[in-house]
C-alpha atoms as a PDB file:
ATOM      1  CA  MET A   1      23.995  12.152 -91.903  1.00  0.00           C
ATOM      2  CA  PHE A   2      20.490  13.131 -92.768  1.00  0.00           C
ATOM      3  CA  LEU A   3      17.404  12.008 -94.613  1.00  0.00           C
ATOM      4  CA  LYS A   4      17.931   9.543 -97.441  1.00  0.00           C
ATOM      5  CA  ASP A   5      21.386  10.887 -98.201  1.00  0.00           C
ATOM      6  CA  HIS A   6      24.340   9.504 -96.350  1.00  0.00           C
ATOM      7  CA  ARG A   7      26.363  12.672 -96.225  1.00  0.00           C
ATOM      8  CA  ASP A   8      29.311  13.640 -94.083  1.00  0.00           C
ATOM      9  CA  GLY A   9      29.120  16.942 -92.294  1.00  0.00           C
ATOM     10  CA  ARG A  10      28.555  18.653 -88.963  1.00  0.00           C
ATOM     11  CA  LEU A  11      25.494  19.475 -86.930  1.00  0.00           C
ATOM     12  CA  VAL A  12      26.084  22.853 -85.283  1.00  0.00           C
ATOM     13  CA  MET A  13      23.978  24.405 -82.521  1.00  0.00           C
ATOM     14  CA  GLN A  14      24.177  28.182 -82.333  1.00  0.00           C
ATOM     15  CA  GLY A  15      21.681  30.259 -80.395  1.00  0.00           C
ATOM     16  CA  ASP A  16      18.189  28.968 -81.161  1.00  0.00           C
ATOM     17  CA  GLY A  17      19.226  27.301 -84.408  1.00  0.00           C
ATOM     18  CA  LEU A  18      20.591  23.964 -85.540  1.00  0.00           C
ATOM     19  CA  SER A  19      22.563  23.980 -88.769  1.00  0.00           C
ATOM     20  CA  TRP A  20      23.726  21.176 -91.013  1.00  0.00           C
ATOM     21  CA  VAL A  21      27.090  22.011 -92.597  1.00  0.00           C
ATOM     22  CA  ASP A  22      27.720  19.582 -95.431  1.00  0.00           C
ATOM     23  CA  SER A  23      31.351  18.548 -95.850  1.00  0.00           C
ATOM     24  CA  ARG A  24      31.143  18.193 -99.640  1.00  0.00           C
ATOM     25  CA  ASP A  25      28.459  20.489-100.997  1.00  0.00           C
ATOM     26  CA  PRO A  26      27.634  23.838 -99.355  1.00  0.00           C
ATOM     27  CA  THR A  27      24.359  23.986-101.306  1.00  0.00           C
ATOM     28  CA  LYS A  28      23.179  21.141 -99.038  1.00  0.00           C
ATOM     29  CA  ASN A  29      23.645  23.266 -95.885  1.00  0.00           C
ATOM     30  CA  PHE A  30      20.486  24.249 -94.006  1.00  0.00           C
ATOM     31  CA  THR A  31      19.329  25.669 -90.690  1.00  0.00           C
ATOM     32  CA  PHE A  32      16.181  25.192 -88.640  1.00  0.00           C
ATOM     33  CA  GLN A  33      15.073  26.829 -85.415  1.00  0.00           C
ATOM     34  CA  THR A  34      14.521  24.885 -82.197  1.00  0.00           C
ATOM     35  CA  THR A  35      11.120  26.603 -81.933  1.00  0.00           C
ATOM     36  CA  GLY A  36      10.143  24.588 -85.014  1.00  0.00           C
ATOM     37  CA  LEU A  37      10.933  21.226 -83.400  1.00  0.00           C
ATOM     38  CA  GLU A  38       7.993  19.043 -82.456  1.00  0.00           C
ATOM     39  CA  LYS A  39       9.966  16.054 -81.095  1.00  0.00           C
ATOM     40  CA  VAL A  40      13.556  15.023 -80.467  1.00  0.00           C
ATOM     41  CA  TRP A  41      14.580  11.404 -79.848  1.00  0.00           C
ATOM     42  CA  TYR A  42      17.388   8.867 -80.131  1.00  0.00           C
ATOM     43  CA  THR A  43      17.664   5.790 -82.284  1.00  0.00           C
ATOM     44  CA  CYS A  44      19.425   3.074 -80.290  1.00  0.00           C
ATOM     45  CA  GLU A  45      20.668  -0.476 -80.651  1.00  0.00           C
ATOM     46  CA  ALA A  46      20.163  -2.995 -77.859  1.00  0.00           C
ATOM     47  CA  ARG A  47      23.487  -3.876 -76.294  1.00  0.00           C
ATOM     48  CA  THR A  48      24.545  -5.356 -73.002  1.00  0.00           C
ATOM     49  CA  PRO A  49      24.380  -3.822 -70.426  1.00  0.00           C
ATOM     50  CA  GLU A  50      22.568  -0.809 -71.949  1.00  0.00           C
ATOM     51  CA  ASN A  51      21.394   0.593 -75.269  1.00  0.00           C
ATOM     52  CA  PHE A  52      23.843   2.258 -77.646  1.00  0.00           C
ATOM     53  CA  CYS A  53      22.177   5.432 -78.917  1.00  0.00           C
ATOM     54  CA  HIS A  54      23.975   6.458 -82.098  1.00  0.00           C
ATOM     55  CA  GLN A  55      21.475   8.696 -83.885  1.00  0.00           C
ATOM     56  CA  ILE A  56      19.498  11.821 -82.978  1.00  0.00           C
ATOM     57  CA  ASN A  57      16.209  12.482 -84.737  1.00  0.00           C
ATOM     58  CA  PHE A  58      14.182  15.649 -85.188  1.00  0.00           C
ATOM     59  CA  GLN A  59      10.529  16.005 -86.161  1.00  0.00           C
ATOM     60  CA  ILE A  60       9.818  19.484 -87.499  1.00  0.00           C
ATOM     61  CA  VAL A  61       6.350  20.907 -86.776  1.00  0.00           C
ATOM     62  CA  LYS A  62       4.241  20.247 -89.878  1.00  0.00           C
ATOM     63  CA  GLY A  63       7.329  19.193 -91.732  1.00  0.00           C
ATOM     64  CA  ASP A  64      10.080  16.740 -92.330  1.00  0.00           C
ATOM     65  CA  ARG A  65      12.031  14.416 -90.111  1.00  0.00           C
ATOM     66  CA  TYR A  66      15.779  14.669 -89.962  1.00  0.00           C
ATOM     67  CA  ARG A  67      18.208  12.144 -88.552  1.00  0.00           C
ATOM     68  CA  PHE A  68      21.870  12.507 -87.779  1.00  0.00           C
ATOM     69  CA  GLN A  69      24.129   9.557 -86.999  1.00  0.00           C
ATOM     70  CA  ASP A  70      27.219   9.908 -84.857  1.00  0.00           C
ATOM     71  CA  SER A  71      30.330   9.860 -87.021  1.00  0.00           C
ATOM     72  CA  GLY A  72      31.969   7.580 -84.449  1.00  0.00           C
ATOM     73  CA  ARG A  73      29.237   4.952 -84.559  1.00  0.00           C
ATOM     74  CA  GLU A  74      31.335   2.354 -86.366  1.00  0.00           C
ATOM     75  CA  SER A  75      34.047   2.596 -83.717  1.00  0.00           C
ATOM     76  CA  GLY A  76      31.516   2.424 -80.868  1.00  0.00           C
ATOM     77  CA  SER A  77      31.314   6.122 -80.042  1.00  0.00           C
ATOM     78  CA  ASN A  78      28.163   8.159 -79.639  1.00  0.00           C
ATOM     79  CA  ALA A  79      29.668  11.217 -77.932  1.00  0.00           C
ATOM     80  CA  ALA A  80      28.531  13.697 -80.588  1.00  0.00           C
ATOM     81  CA  VAL A  81      24.814  12.831 -80.527  1.00  0.00           C
ATOM     82  CA  VAL A  82      24.844  12.593 -76.727  1.00  0.00           C
ATOM     83  CA  LYS A  83      26.390  16.055 -76.550  1.00  0.00           C
ATOM     84  CA  VAL A  84      23.698  17.524 -78.840  1.00  0.00           C
ATOM     85  CA  MET A  85      20.914  15.859 -76.837  1.00  0.00           C
ATOM     86  CA  GLU A  86      22.353  17.077 -73.522  1.00  0.00           C
ATOM     87  CA  ALA A  87      22.628  20.626 -74.869  1.00  0.00           C
ATOM     88  CA  LEU A  88      19.038  20.563 -76.126  1.00  0.00           C
ATOM     89  CA  ARG A  89      17.780  19.270 -72.768  1.00  0.00           C
ATOM     90  CA  THR A  90      19.772  21.927 -70.918  1.00  0.00           C
ATOM     91  CA  TYR A  91      18.971  24.961 -73.063  1.00  0.00           C
ATOM     92  CA  PHE A  92      15.522  23.971 -74.365  1.00  0.00           C
ATOM     93  CA  PRO A  93      13.872  21.929 -71.578  1.00  0.00           C
ATOM     94  CA  SER A  94      10.384  22.611 -72.923  1.00  0.00           C
ATOM     95  CA  LEU A  95      11.057  20.599 -76.110  1.00  0.00           C
ATOM     96  CA  ALA A  96       9.213  17.310 -76.412  1.00  0.00           C
ATOM     97  CA  PHE A  97      11.733  14.496 -76.011  1.00  0.00           C
ATOM     98  CA  GLY A  98      10.783  10.969 -77.038  1.00  0.00           C
ATOM     99  CA  PRO A  99       9.790   9.153 -80.216  1.00  0.00           C
ATOM    100  CA  PRO A 100       6.723  10.309 -82.145  1.00  0.00           C
ATOM    101  CA  GLU A 101       3.440   8.486 -81.719  1.00  0.00           C
ATOM    102  CA  ASN A 102       3.216   7.291 -85.339  1.00  0.00           C
END
């Protein structure tokens, strides 16, 4: 899901790009390059014994913020956002990880 819309779709990483593929409306598809990312961070809920991180957020340099919630959140899964974050940390270690200052 992204921005103010609660849309079903897929976040796809290919090469240096991240693409949103909307499940209902292909005109809502978009791609941005990892070189344009300023920050990447999770949104988490406090749970015992650890936080449940269910959303990955992107701050684009001089641009918008995007957020994508794991489709399995309601059932207690966060595997999809964890997989994206792990891939970004592996393939793009120079990205800034952590919430923005403001």
